[in-house]
């Protein structure tokens, strides 16, 4: 690998500066993304390896980040299991056949890896294009988050149906989560076999859960997945909205990196984690709307706070919003790359 900064930081080795990549870095804030998106549906983009590779490479070529992340979606596992998935502009993902009964859960397949082969094919194309320049991050949605989409039938503001399921029918919820966890483990191992250099587990909606419910309906399944990966020298990053609260439990699942939202002091979190566990984050993505001197000052403030700490990957506390100016994202990455400890 020509650029080892990201992998070194993930394994808590000393680096000359924090490596940088950003969640949703190959997304709607880029005019070049829309040039592709206007020709194809979102699922066509995900399922056509050459197109997925084109989108994955946009931030590599245009932003000069230290790690690429596979262009895909967290819900492809739900679709492979039998979900009727679609994406509508301005609405987001929808499952036309929500999972709410015992029969619905029974109908979901767990032997469905063949339906995700397009992801492995995309990884191989991307690695050919990267040609050893920077690492490629693969990813999957964590079971609770994927379950919430399957149960709600799409995005939700209150997760009412999901919470009714876990509280009124906990055994059924566990049955569903166990199925998703198996598929997710197999899927991430597929990505490892295809050639990814790192993995991130996205539990995007864990913040909907109480502390006890997070332990029961999220953490134990994330831990199962991480324990079930066939990996050597492939770091695993665990992320959720709510990581500023749940980080101590997340660490018990033994990821290499805990990715932190912007609601906590990053150094305090890092010092509370086990020795040798890295952190990723945690700039508030809204700062990228601000004037460029403000962006630089905020990044430097975070870096000065983390000075002397090995195991720090710079990222946002969540993904880039679609209307953040491209030039501000590019500027932020330049600020990171110019920094030296």
C-alpha atoms as a PDB file:
ATOM      1  CA  UNK A   1       0.000   0.000   0.000  1.00  0.00           C
ATOM      2  CA  UNK A   2       1.483   3.348  -1.047  1.00  0.00           C
ATOM      3  CA  UNK A   3      -0.448   5.216   1.659  1.00  0.00           C
ATOM      4  CA  UNK A   4      -0.655   3.323   4.967  1.00  0.00           C
ATOM      5  CA  UNK A   5      -1.795   6.245   7.129  1.00  0.00           C
ATOM      6  CA  UNK A   6      -5.362   5.003   7.533  1.00  0.00           C
ATOM      7  CA  UNK A   7      -4.435   1.393   8.358  1.00  0.00           C
ATOM      8  CA  UNK A   8      -1.652   2.486  10.709  1.00  0.00           C
ATOM      9  CA  UNK A   9      -4.000   4.769  12.626  1.00  0.00           C
ATOM     10  CA  UNK A  10      -6.699   2.066  12.726  1.00  0.00           C
ATOM     11  CA  UNK A  11      -4.192  -0.233  14.418  1.00  0.00           C
ATOM     12  CA  UNK A  12      -3.109   2.588  16.772  1.00  0.00           C
ATOM     13  CA  UNK A  13       0.331   3.034  15.247  1.00  0.00           C
ATOM     14  CA  UNK A  14       1.997   6.432  15.205  1.00  0.00           C
ATOM     15  CA  UNK A  15       1.267   8.592  12.143  1.00  0.00           C
ATOM     16  CA  UNK A  16       2.695  11.911  10.972  1.00  0.00           C
ATOM     17  CA  UNK A  17      -0.824  13.356  10.739  1.00  0.00           C
ATOM     18  CA  UNK A  18      -4.354  12.039  11.151  1.00  0.00           C
ATOM     19  CA  UNK A  19      -5.590  10.192   8.057  1.00  0.00           C
ATOM     20  CA  UNK A  20      -8.806  11.514   6.537  1.00  0.00           C
ATOM     21  CA  UNK A  21     -11.857  10.058   4.854  1.00  0.00           C
ATOM     22  CA  UNK A  22     -15.463  11.133   5.242  1.00  0.00           C
ATOM     23  CA  UNK A  23     -18.676   9.187   5.520  1.00  0.00           C
ATOM     24  CA  UNK A  24     -20.785   9.706   2.368  1.00  0.00           C
ATOM     25  CA  UNK A  25     -17.667  11.045   0.634  1.00  0.00           C
ATOM     26  CA  UNK A  26     -18.892   9.681  -2.738  1.00  0.00           C
ATOM     27  CA  UNK A  27     -22.273  11.339  -2.646  1.00  0.00           C
ATOM     28  CA  UNK A  28     -24.788  13.943  -3.585  1.00  0.00           C
ATOM     29  CA  UNK A  29     -22.639  16.992  -2.747  1.00  0.00           C
ATOM     30  CA  UNK A  30     -20.572  16.218  -5.878  1.00  0.00           C
ATOM     31  CA  UNK A  31     -21.703  17.453  -9.311  1.00  0.00           C
ATOM     32  CA  UNK A  32     -19.863  14.471 -10.794  1.00  0.00           C
ATOM     33  CA  UNK A  33     -22.044  12.127  -8.733  1.00  0.00           C
ATOM     34  CA  UNK A  34     -25.166  13.640 -10.284  1.00  0.00           C
ATOM     35  CA  UNK A  35     -23.740  13.200 -13.772  1.00  0.00           C
ATOM     36  CA  UNK A  36     -23.852   9.460 -13.062  1.00  0.00           C
ATOM     37  CA  UNK A  37     -27.006   9.452 -10.910  1.00  0.00           C
ATOM     38  CA  UNK A  38     -29.057  11.175 -13.597  1.00  0.00           C
ATOM     39  CA  UNK A  39     -28.402   8.220 -15.928  1.00  0.00           C
ATOM     40  CA  UNK A  40     -29.146   5.345 -13.539  1.00  0.00           C
ATOM     41  CA  UNK A  41     -31.292   4.453 -10.546  1.00  0.00           C
ATOM     42  CA  UNK A  42     -29.548   4.204  -7.195  1.00  0.00           C
ATOM     43  CA  UNK A  43     -29.827   0.410  -7.123  1.00  0.00           C
ATOM     44  CA  UNK A  44     -28.512   0.179 -10.696  1.00  0.00           C
ATOM     45  CA  UNK A  45     -25.480   2.164  -9.534  1.00  0.00           C
ATOM     46  CA  UNK A  46     -24.936  -0.218  -6.609  1.00  0.00           C
ATOM     47  CA  UNK A  47     -25.470  -3.378  -8.640  1.00  0.00           C
ATOM     48  CA  UNK A  48     -23.341  -2.526 -11.686  1.00  0.00           C
ATOM     49  CA  UNK A  49     -19.707  -3.097 -10.641  1.00  0.00           C
ATOM     50  CA  UNK A  50     -18.199  -0.639 -13.142  1.00  0.00           C
ATOM     51  CA  UNK A  51     -20.593   2.135 -12.072  1.00  0.00           C
ATOM     52  CA  UNK A  52     -20.093   1.411  -8.362  1.00  0.00           C
ATOM     53  CA  UNK A  53     -16.359   1.638  -9.015  1.00  0.00           C
ATOM     54  CA  UNK A  54     -16.772   4.946 -10.895  1.00  0.00           C
ATOM     55  CA  UNK A  55     -18.615   6.469  -7.920  1.00  0.00           C
ATOM     56  CA  UNK A  56     -16.207   4.991  -5.352  1.00  0.00           C
ATOM     57  CA  UNK A  57     -13.298   6.601  -7.211  1.00  0.00           C
ATOM     58  CA  UNK A  58     -14.786  10.120  -7.348  1.00  0.00           C
ATOM     59  CA  UNK A  59     -13.453  11.242  -3.933  1.00  0.00           C
ATOM     60  CA  UNK A  60     -10.179   9.413  -4.586  1.00  0.00           C
ATOM     61  CA  UNK A  61      -9.598  11.378  -7.781  1.00  0.00           C
ATOM     62  CA  UNK A  62     -11.204  14.699  -6.801  1.00  0.00           C
ATOM     63  CA  UNK A  63     -10.496  14.985  -3.065  1.00  0.00           C
ATOM     64  CA  UNK A  64      -7.332  12.966  -2.462  1.00  0.00           C
ATOM     65  CA  UNK A  65      -8.617  11.179   0.639  1.00  0.00           C
ATOM     66  CA  UNK A  66      -6.549   8.561   2.515  1.00  0.00           C
ATOM     67  CA  UNK A  67      -9.088   5.727   2.195  1.00  0.00           C
ATOM     68  CA  UNK A  68     -11.823   4.855  -0.274  1.00  0.00           C
ATOM     69  CA  UNK A  69     -15.128   3.359   0.808  1.00  0.00           C
ATOM     70  CA  UNK A  70     -17.143   0.992  -1.327  1.00  0.00           C
ATOM     71  CA  UNK A  71     -20.138   2.622  -2.997  1.00  0.00           C
ATOM     72  CA  UNK A  72     -23.155   0.579  -1.901  1.00  0.00           C
ATOM     73  CA  UNK A  73     -25.934   0.800   0.679  1.00  0.00           C
ATOM     74  CA  UNK A  74     -26.553  -0.647   4.136  1.00  0.00           C
ATOM     75  CA  UNK A  75     -29.889  -2.127   3.001  1.00  0.00           C
ATOM     76  CA  UNK A  76     -28.599  -4.501   0.324  1.00  0.00           C
ATOM     77  CA  UNK A  77     -28.563  -7.289   2.927  1.00  0.00           C
ATOM     78  CA  UNK A  78     -32.251  -6.706   3.673  1.00  0.00           C
ATOM     79  CA  UNK A  79     -33.006  -6.892  -0.036  1.00  0.00           C
ATOM     80  CA  UNK A  80     -30.984 -10.089  -0.471  1.00  0.00           C
ATOM     81  CA  UNK A  81     -32.956 -11.684   2.366  1.00  0.00           C
ATOM     82  CA  UNK A  82     -36.226 -11.007   0.519  1.00  0.00           C
ATOM     83  CA  UNK A  83     -37.037  -7.346   1.072  1.00  0.00           C
ATOM     84  CA  UNK A  84     -38.665  -5.549  -1.850  1.00  0.00           C
ATOM     85  CA  UNK A  85     -36.358  -2.525  -1.801  1.00  0.00           C
ATOM     86  CA  UNK A  86     -36.663   0.689  -3.786  1.00  0.00           C
ATOM     87  CA  UNK A  87     -35.224   4.195  -3.532  1.00  0.00           C
ATOM     88  CA  UNK A  88     -37.250   7.271  -4.420  1.00  0.00           C
ATOM     89  CA  UNK A  89     -35.736  10.721  -4.826  1.00  0.00           C
ATOM     90  CA  UNK A  90     -36.728  12.891  -1.879  1.00  0.00           C
ATOM     91  CA  UNK A  91     -38.274   9.936  -0.015  1.00  0.00           C
ATOM     92  CA  UNK A  92     -35.407   7.536   0.523  1.00  0.00           C
ATOM     93  CA  UNK A  93     -35.461   3.751   0.869  1.00  0.00           C
ATOM     94  CA  UNK A  94     -38.699   1.795   1.014  1.00  0.00           C
ATOM     95  CA  UNK A  95     -39.439  -1.874   1.635  1.00  0.00           C
ATOM     96  CA  UNK A  96     -42.784  -2.660  -0.020  1.00  0.00           C
ATOM     97  CA  UNK A  97     -43.139  -5.815   2.122  1.00  0.00           C
ATOM     98  CA  UNK A  98     -42.454  -4.773   5.743  1.00  0.00           C
ATOM     99  CA  UNK A  99     -41.476  -7.475   8.240  1.00  0.00           C
ATOM    100  CA  UNK A 100     -43.912  -7.468  11.162  1.00  0.00           C
ATOM    101  CA  UNK A 101     -45.172 -11.003  11.838  1.00  0.00           C
ATOM    102  CA  UNK A 102     -43.738 -14.428  12.600  1.00  0.00           C
ATOM    103  CA  UNK A 103     -44.526 -15.456   9.025  1.00  0.00           C
ATOM    104  CA  UNK A 104     -42.703 -12.413   7.668  1.00  0.00           C
ATOM    105  CA  UNK A 105     -39.591 -13.284   9.668  1.00  0.00           C
ATOM    106  CA  UNK A 106     -39.785 -16.947   8.656  1.00  0.00           C
ATOM    107  CA  UNK A 107     -39.956 -15.934   4.993  1.00  0.00           C
ATOM    108  CA  UNK A 108     -36.610 -14.133   5.098  1.00  0.00           C
ATOM    109  CA  UNK A 109     -33.711 -16.099   3.624  1.00  0.00           C
ATOM    110  CA  UNK A 110     -30.312 -16.429   5.274  1.00  0.00           C
ATOM    111  CA  UNK A 111     -28.612 -18.424   2.514  1.00  0.00           C
ATOM    112  CA  UNK A 112     -28.561 -15.520   0.087  1.00  0.00           C
ATOM    113  CA  UNK A 113     -24.904 -14.643  -0.513  1.00  0.00           C
ATOM    114  CA  UNK A 114     -25.262 -15.304  -4.240  1.00  0.00           C
ATOM    115  CA  UNK A 115     -27.558 -12.271  -4.440  1.00  0.00           C
ATOM    116  CA  UNK A 116     -24.729 -10.068  -3.150  1.00  0.00           C
ATOM    117  CA  UNK A 117     -22.068 -11.267  -5.583  1.00  0.00           C
ATOM    118  CA  UNK A 118     -22.286  -7.942  -7.406  1.00  0.00           C
ATOM    119  CA  UNK A 119     -20.670  -6.329  -4.349  1.00  0.00           C
ATOM    120  CA  UNK A 120     -17.699  -8.685  -4.520  1.00  0.00           C
ATOM    121  CA  UNK A 121     -17.416  -7.974  -8.238  1.00  0.00           C
ATOM    122  CA  UNK A 122     -17.421  -4.223  -7.567  1.00  0.00           C
ATOM    123  CA  UNK A 123     -14.691  -4.593  -4.922  1.00  0.00           C
ATOM    124  CA  UNK A 124     -12.453  -6.371  -7.432  1.00  0.00           C
ATOM    125  CA  UNK A 125     -12.945  -3.634 -10.030  1.00  0.00           C
ATOM    126  CA  UNK A 126     -12.286  -0.900  -7.439  1.00  0.00           C
ATOM    127  CA  UNK A 127      -9.092  -2.560  -6.229  1.00  0.00           C
ATOM    128  CA  UNK A 128      -7.853  -2.764  -9.805  1.00  0.00           C
ATOM    129  CA  UNK A 129      -8.466   0.963 -10.149  1.00  0.00           C
ATOM    130  CA  UNK A 130      -6.891   1.828  -6.783  1.00  0.00           C
ATOM    131  CA  UNK A 131      -3.859  -0.294  -7.694  1.00  0.00           C
ATOM    132  CA  UNK A 132      -2.504  -0.336  -4.139  1.00  0.00           C
ATOM    133  CA  UNK A 133      -2.613   3.443  -3.697  1.00  0.00           C
ATOM    134  CA  UNK A 134      -4.918   3.672  -0.667  1.00  0.00           C
ATOM    135  CA  UNK A 135      -7.014   1.181   1.343  1.00  0.00           C
ATOM    136  CA  UNK A 136     -10.578   0.267   0.433  1.00  0.00           C
ATOM    137  CA  UNK A 137     -13.162   0.154   3.233  1.00  0.00           C
ATOM    138  CA  UNK A 138     -16.059  -2.273   2.921  1.00  0.00           C
ATOM    139  CA  UNK A 139     -19.145  -1.998   5.097  1.00  0.00           C
ATOM    140  CA  UNK A 140     -22.502  -3.324   6.181  1.00  0.00           C
ATOM    141  CA  UNK A 141     -25.499  -2.138   8.125  1.00  0.00           C
ATOM    142  CA  UNK A 142     -25.700  -3.444  11.686  1.00  0.00           C
ATOM    143  CA  UNK A 143     -28.631  -5.753  12.500  1.00  0.00           C
ATOM    144  CA  UNK A 144     -30.695  -3.309  14.566  1.00  0.00           C
ATOM    145  CA  UNK A 145     -30.494  -0.619  11.901  1.00  0.00           C
ATOM    146  CA  UNK A 146     -31.349  -3.003   9.055  1.00  0.00           C
ATOM    147  CA  UNK A 147     -34.181  -4.428  11.169  1.00  0.00           C
ATOM    148  CA  UNK A 148     -35.607  -0.949  11.746  1.00  0.00           C
ATOM    149  CA  UNK A 149     -35.893  -0.357   7.987  1.00  0.00           C
ATOM    150  CA  UNK A 150     -37.428  -3.781   7.403  1.00  0.00           C
ATOM    151  CA  UNK A 151     -39.988  -3.332  10.180  1.00  0.00           C
ATOM    152  CA  UNK A 152     -40.854   0.317   9.509  1.00  0.00           C
ATOM    153  CA  UNK A 153     -40.867  -0.230   5.757  1.00  0.00           C
ATOM    154  CA  UNK A 154     -38.444   2.657   5.308  1.00  0.00           C
ATOM    155  CA  UNK A 155     -37.015   5.589   7.232  1.00  0.00           C
ATOM    156  CA  UNK A 156     -38.634   6.594  10.506  1.00  0.00           C
ATOM    157  CA  UNK A 157     -38.514   9.544  12.891  1.00  0.00           C
ATOM    158  CA  UNK A 158     -39.702   7.683  15.984  1.00  0.00           C
ATOM    159  CA  UNK A 159     -39.108   3.951  15.248  1.00  0.00           C
ATOM    160  CA  UNK A 160     -42.475   3.246  16.823  1.00  0.00           C
ATOM    161  CA  UNK A 161     -43.097  -0.090  15.075  1.00  0.00           C
ATOM    162  CA  UNK A 162     -39.562  -1.284  15.750  1.00  0.00           C
ATOM    163  CA  UNK A 163     -39.855  -0.430  19.434  1.00  0.00           C
ATOM    164  CA  UNK A 164     -43.246  -2.119  19.661  1.00  0.00           C
ATOM    165  CA  UNK A 165     -41.661  -5.245  18.201  1.00  0.00           C
ATOM    166  CA  UNK A 166     -38.730  -5.354  20.627  1.00  0.00           C
ATOM    167  CA  UNK A 167     -40.942  -4.599  23.647  1.00  0.00           C
ATOM    168  CA  UNK A 168     -44.101  -6.592  22.871  1.00  0.00           C
ATOM    169  CA  UNK A 169     -42.468  -9.457  20.946  1.00  0.00           C
ATOM    170  CA  UNK A 170     -38.823  -9.629  22.032  1.00  0.00           C
ATOM    171  CA  UNK A 171     -38.410 -13.293  21.019  1.00  0.00           C
ATOM    172  CA  UNK A 172     -39.530 -12.472  17.483  1.00  0.00           C
ATOM    173  CA  UNK A 173     -37.221  -9.457  17.373  1.00  0.00           C
ATOM    174  CA  UNK A 174     -34.296 -11.648  18.423  1.00  0.00           C
ATOM    175  CA  UNK A 175     -35.180 -14.198  15.766  1.00  0.00           C
ATOM    176  CA  UNK A 176     -35.114 -11.468  13.125  1.00  0.00           C
ATOM    177  CA  UNK A 177     -31.898  -9.929  14.451  1.00  0.00           C
ATOM    178  CA  UNK A 178     -30.176 -13.331  14.510  1.00  0.00           C
ATOM    179  CA  UNK A 179     -31.073 -13.878  10.861  1.00  0.00           C
ATOM    180  CA  UNK A 180     -29.755 -10.449   9.862  1.00  0.00           C
ATOM    181  CA  UNK A 181     -26.577 -11.009  11.910  1.00  0.00           C
ATOM    182  CA  UNK A 182     -25.841 -14.267  10.090  1.00  0.00           C
ATOM    183  CA  UNK A 183     -26.308 -12.678   6.675  1.00  0.00           C
ATOM    184  CA  UNK A 184     -24.224  -9.665   7.714  1.00  0.00           C
ATOM    185  CA  UNK A 185     -21.342 -11.848   8.902  1.00  0.00           C
ATOM    186  CA  UNK A 186     -21.396 -13.837   5.668  1.00  0.00           C
ATOM    187  CA  UNK A 187     -21.614 -10.635   3.648  1.00  0.00           C
ATOM    188  CA  UNK A 188     -18.631  -8.999   5.352  1.00  0.00           C
ATOM    189  CA  UNK A 189     -16.613 -12.180   4.915  1.00  0.00           C
ATOM    190  CA  UNK A 190     -17.549 -12.058   1.220  1.00  0.00           C
ATOM    191  CA  UNK A 191     -16.104  -8.543   1.109  1.00  0.00           C
ATOM    192  CA  UNK A 192     -12.925  -9.714   2.844  1.00  0.00           C
ATOM    193  CA  UNK A 193     -12.540 -12.524   0.314  1.00  0.00           C
ATOM    194  CA  UNK A 194     -13.069 -10.018  -2.509  1.00  0.00           C
ATOM    195  CA  UNK A 195     -10.214  -7.855  -1.230  1.00  0.00           C
ATOM    196  CA  UNK A 196     -11.298  -5.012   1.073  1.00  0.00           C
ATOM    197  CA  UNK A 197      -8.624  -3.646   3.421  1.00  0.00           C
ATOM    198  CA  UNK A 198     -10.928  -2.551   6.273  1.00  0.00           C
ATOM    199  CA  UNK A 199     -14.573  -2.790   7.323  1.00  0.00           C
ATOM    200  CA  UNK A 200     -17.077  -0.456   8.964  1.00  0.00           C
ATOM    201  CA  UNK A 201     -20.258  -1.592  10.696  1.00  0.00           C
ATOM    202  CA  UNK A 202     -22.919   1.142  10.493  1.00  0.00           C
ATOM    203  CA  UNK A 203     -25.507   1.075  13.284  1.00  0.00           C
ATOM    204  CA  UNK A 204     -26.983   4.337  12.104  1.00  0.00           C
ATOM    205  CA  UNK A 205     -30.153   4.287  14.215  1.00  0.00           C
ATOM    206  CA  UNK A 206     -28.829   2.872  17.496  1.00  0.00           C
ATOM    207  CA  UNK A 207     -29.481   6.265  19.081  1.00  0.00           C
ATOM    208  CA  UNK A 208     -33.187   5.341  19.080  1.00  0.00           C
ATOM    209  CA  UNK A 209     -32.442   2.763  21.796  1.00  0.00           C
ATOM    210  CA  UNK A 210     -32.144   3.076  25.550  1.00  0.00           C
ATOM    211  CA  UNK A 211     -28.943   1.856  27.216  1.00  0.00           C
ATOM    212  CA  UNK A 212     -30.482  -1.502  28.182  1.00  0.00           C
ATOM    213  CA  UNK A 213     -32.182  -1.995  24.833  1.00  0.00           C
ATOM    214  CA  UNK A 214     -28.927  -1.188  23.022  1.00  0.00           C
ATOM    215  CA  UNK A 215     -27.192  -3.945  24.973  1.00  0.00           C
ATOM    216  CA  UNK A 216     -29.912  -6.483  24.244  1.00  0.00           C
ATOM    217  CA  UNK A 217     -30.989  -5.677  20.699  1.00  0.00           C
ATOM    218  CA  UNK A 218     -27.864  -4.160  19.150  1.00  0.00           C
ATOM    219  CA  UNK A 219     -24.587  -4.786  20.944  1.00  0.00           C
ATOM    220  CA  UNK A 220     -24.749  -8.550  21.262  1.00  0.00           C
ATOM    221  CA  UNK A 221     -25.372  -8.949  17.513  1.00  0.00           C
ATOM    222  CA  UNK A 222     -22.625  -6.509  16.549  1.00  0.00           C
ATOM    223  CA  UNK A 223     -20.263  -8.460  18.809  1.00  0.00           C
ATOM    224  CA  UNK A 224     -21.289 -11.723  17.126  1.00  0.00           C
ATOM    225  CA  UNK A 225     -20.559 -10.265  13.709  1.00  0.00           C
ATOM    226  CA  UNK A 226     -17.129  -8.910  14.639  1.00  0.00           C
ATOM    227  CA  UNK A 227     -16.210 -12.230  16.292  1.00  0.00           C
ATOM    228  CA  UNK A 228     -17.321 -14.103  13.165  1.00  0.00           C
ATOM    229  CA  UNK A 229     -15.106 -12.286  10.670  1.00  0.00           C
ATOM    230  CA  UNK A 230     -12.316 -14.175   8.927  1.00  0.00           C
ATOM    231  CA  UNK A 231      -9.800 -11.395   9.028  1.00  0.00           C
ATOM    232  CA  UNK A 232      -6.085 -10.859   9.331  1.00  0.00           C
ATOM    233  CA  UNK A 233      -4.729  -7.311   9.347  1.00  0.00           C
ATOM    234  CA  UNK A 234      -8.170  -5.964   8.394  1.00  0.00           C
ATOM    235  CA  UNK A 235      -9.342  -3.404  10.963  1.00  0.00           C
ATOM    236  CA  UNK A 236     -13.005  -3.155  11.898  1.00  0.00           C
ATOM    237  CA  UNK A 237     -14.614   0.215  12.648  1.00  0.00           C
ATOM    238  CA  UNK A 238     -17.818   0.347  14.685  1.00  0.00           C
ATOM    239  CA  UNK A 239     -20.022   3.397  14.139  1.00  0.00           C
ATOM    240  CA  UNK A 240     -23.399   4.505  15.388  1.00  0.00           C
ATOM    241  CA  UNK A 241     -25.255   7.696  15.938  1.00  0.00           C
ATOM    242  CA  UNK A 242     -25.159   7.610  19.696  1.00  0.00           C
ATOM    243  CA  UNK A 243     -21.563   6.415  19.951  1.00  0.00           C
ATOM    244  CA  UNK A 244     -20.831   9.299  22.309  1.00  0.00           C
ATOM    245  CA  UNK A 245     -23.177   7.489  24.724  1.00  0.00           C
ATOM    246  CA  UNK A 246     -22.642   3.845  23.768  1.00  0.00           C
ATOM    247  CA  UNK A 247     -18.853   3.845  23.198  1.00  0.00           C
ATOM    248  CA  UNK A 248     -18.086   1.862  26.406  1.00  0.00           C
ATOM    249  CA  UNK A 249     -20.417  -0.941  25.267  1.00  0.00           C
ATOM    250  CA  UNK A 250     -19.270  -0.710  21.657  1.00  0.00           C
ATOM    251  CA  UNK A 251     -15.711  -1.335  22.833  1.00  0.00           C
ATOM    252  CA  UNK A 252     -16.807  -4.639  24.392  1.00  0.00           C
ATOM    253  CA  UNK A 253     -17.535  -5.960  20.888  1.00  0.00           C
ATOM    254  CA  UNK A 254     -13.779  -5.577  20.249  1.00  0.00           C
ATOM    255  CA  UNK A 255     -13.626  -3.453  17.102  1.00  0.00           C
ATOM    256  CA  UNK A 256     -10.272  -1.894  16.272  1.00  0.00           C
ATOM    257  CA  UNK A 257     -11.809   1.562  15.938  1.00  0.00           C
ATOM    258  CA  UNK A 258     -14.847   3.232  17.503  1.00  0.00           C
ATOM    259  CA  UNK A 259     -16.251   6.019  15.319  1.00  0.00           C
ATOM    260  CA  UNK A 260     -17.649   8.828  17.453  1.00  0.00           C
ATOM    261  CA  UNK A 261     -20.468  11.267  16.686  1.00  0.00           C
ATOM    262  CA  UNK A 262     -19.940  14.984  17.331  1.00  0.00           C
ATOM    263  CA  UNK A 263     -21.690  15.151  20.705  1.00  0.00           C
ATOM    264  CA  UNK A 264     -18.680  14.150  22.811  1.00  0.00           C
ATOM    265  CA  UNK A 265     -15.143  15.266  23.516  1.00  0.00           C
ATOM    266  CA  UNK A 266     -13.069  12.851  21.429  1.00  0.00           C
ATOM    267  CA  UNK A 267     -10.080  12.749  23.758  1.00  0.00           C
ATOM    268  CA  UNK A 268     -12.247  11.953  26.780  1.00  0.00           C
ATOM    269  CA  UNK A 269     -13.836   9.073  24.866  1.00  0.00           C
ATOM    270  CA  UNK A 270     -10.458   7.752  23.718  1.00  0.00           C
ATOM    271  CA  UNK A 271      -9.015   7.788  27.225  1.00  0.00           C
ATOM    272  CA  UNK A 272     -12.033   5.831  28.466  1.00  0.00           C
ATOM    273  CA  UNK A 273     -11.622   3.106  25.824  1.00  0.00           C
ATOM    274  CA  UNK A 274      -9.295   0.117  26.206  1.00  0.00           C
ATOM    275  CA  UNK A 275      -5.632   0.811  25.457  1.00  0.00           C
ATOM    276  CA  UNK A 276      -4.840   0.306  21.785  1.00  0.00           C
ATOM    277  CA  UNK A 277      -8.390   0.962  20.571  1.00  0.00           C
ATOM    278  CA  UNK A 278      -8.478   3.755  18.001  1.00  0.00           C
ATOM    279  CA  UNK A 279     -11.111   6.444  17.534  1.00  0.00           C
ATOM    280  CA  UNK A 280     -12.547   7.996  14.398  1.00  0.00           C
ATOM    281  CA  UNK A 281     -14.323  11.316  14.104  1.00  0.00           C
ATOM    282  CA  UNK A 282     -15.741  13.563  15.167  1.00  0.00           C
ATOM    283  CA  UNK A 283     -16.175  16.929  13.439  1.00  0.00           C
ATOM    284  CA  UNK A 284     -19.765  18.166  13.315  1.00  0.00           C
ATOM    285  CA  UNK A 285     -20.560  17.911   9.581  1.00  0.00           C
ATOM    286  CA  UNK A 286     -22.498  21.202   9.801  1.00  0.00           C
ATOM    287  CA  UNK A 287     -19.147  22.979  10.243  1.00  0.00           C
ATOM    288  CA  UNK A 288     -18.517  22.292   6.552  1.00  0.00           C
ATOM    289  CA  UNK A 289     -21.249  24.843   5.739  1.00  0.00           C
ATOM    290  CA  UNK A 290     -19.206  27.549   7.497  1.00  0.00           C
ATOM    291  CA  UNK A 291     -16.614  29.949   6.091  1.00  0.00           C
ATOM    292  CA  UNK A 292     -13.290  28.317   5.308  1.00  0.00           C
ATOM    293  CA  UNK A 293     -11.316  30.052   8.115  1.00  0.00           C
ATOM    294  CA  UNK A 294     -13.883  28.610  10.550  1.00  0.00           C
ATOM    295  CA  UNK A 295     -13.469  25.128   9.052  1.00  0.00           C
ATOM    296  CA  UNK A 296      -9.689  25.337   9.435  1.00  0.00           C
ATOM    297  CA  UNK A 297      -9.919  26.611  13.016  1.00  0.00           C
ATOM    298  CA  UNK A 298     -12.326  23.846  14.042  1.00  0.00           C
ATOM    299  CA  UNK A 299     -10.188  21.096  12.503  1.00  0.00           C
ATOM    300  CA  UNK A 300      -7.053  22.456  14.139  1.00  0.00           C
ATOM    301  CA  UNK A 301      -8.859  22.715  17.468  1.00  0.00           C
ATOM    302  CA  UNK A 302      -9.746  19.018  17.252  1.00  0.00           C
ATOM    303  CA  UNK A 303      -6.204  18.091  16.201  1.00  0.00           C
ATOM    304  CA  UNK A 304      -4.639  20.039  19.047  1.00  0.00           C
ATOM    305  CA  UNK A 305      -6.990  18.281  21.455  1.00  0.00           C
ATOM    306  CA  UNK A 306      -5.820  14.908  20.065  1.00  0.00           C
ATOM    307  CA  UNK A 307      -2.124  15.833  19.875  1.00  0.00           C
ATOM    308  CA  UNK A 308       0.096  13.001  21.097  1.00  0.00           C
ATOM    309  CA  UNK A 309      -2.602  10.350  20.690  1.00  0.00           C
ATOM    310  CA  UNK A 310      -1.939   7.379  18.434  1.00  0.00           C
ATOM    311  CA  UNK A 311      -4.990   5.770  16.879  1.00  0.00           C
ATOM    312  CA  UNK A 312      -6.914   8.775  15.545  1.00  0.00           C
ATOM    313  CA  UNK A 313      -8.659   8.847  12.157  1.00  0.00           C
ATOM    314  CA  UNK A 314     -10.193  12.167  11.154  1.00  0.00           C
ATOM    315  CA  UNK A 315     -13.780  11.923   9.971  1.00  0.00           C
ATOM    316  CA  UNK A 316     -17.108  13.613  10.460  1.00  0.00           C
ATOM    317  CA  UNK A 317     -19.448  12.665  13.271  1.00  0.00           C
ATOM    318  CA  UNK A 318     -21.832  11.435  10.567  1.00  0.00           C
ATOM    319  CA  UNK A 319     -22.111  11.741   6.780  1.00  0.00           C
ATOM    320  CA  UNK A 320     -21.706  14.759   4.514  1.00  0.00           C
ATOM    321  CA  UNK A 321     -25.031  16.472   3.846  1.00  0.00           C
ATOM    322  CA  UNK A 322     -26.026  16.726   0.152  1.00  0.00           C
ATOM    323  CA  UNK A 323     -25.957  20.542   0.007  1.00  0.00           C
ATOM    324  CA  UNK A 324     -22.570  21.109   1.646  1.00  0.00           C
ATOM    325  CA  UNK A 325     -20.403  23.017  -0.844  1.00  0.00           C
ATOM    326  CA  UNK A 326     -17.950  20.742  -2.626  1.00  0.00           C
ATOM    327  CA  UNK A 327     -15.188  23.339  -2.309  1.00  0.00           C
ATOM    328  CA  UNK A 328     -15.577  23.329   1.471  1.00  0.00           C
ATOM    329  CA  UNK A 329     -15.182  19.554   1.632  1.00  0.00           C
ATOM    330  CA  UNK A 330     -12.088  19.755  -0.571  1.00  0.00           C
ATOM    331  CA  UNK A 331     -10.697  22.569   1.568  1.00  0.00           C
ATOM    332  CA  UNK A 332     -11.239  20.593   4.785  1.00  0.00           C
ATOM    333  CA  UNK A 333      -9.307  17.650   3.385  1.00  0.00           C
ATOM    334  CA  UNK A 334      -6.474  19.951   2.304  1.00  0.00           C
ATOM    335  CA  UNK A 335      -6.332  21.390   5.841  1.00  0.00           C
ATOM    336  CA  UNK A 336      -5.999  17.883   7.261  1.00  0.00           C
ATOM    337  CA  UNK A 337      -3.342  16.853   4.764  1.00  0.00           C
ATOM    338  CA  UNK A 338      -1.222  19.936   5.433  1.00  0.00           C
ATOM    339  CA  UNK A 339      -1.233  19.381   9.199  1.00  0.00           C
ATOM    340  CA  UNK A 340       1.781  17.869  10.941  1.00  0.00           C
ATOM    341  CA  UNK A 341       2.185  16.911  14.584  1.00  0.00           C
END
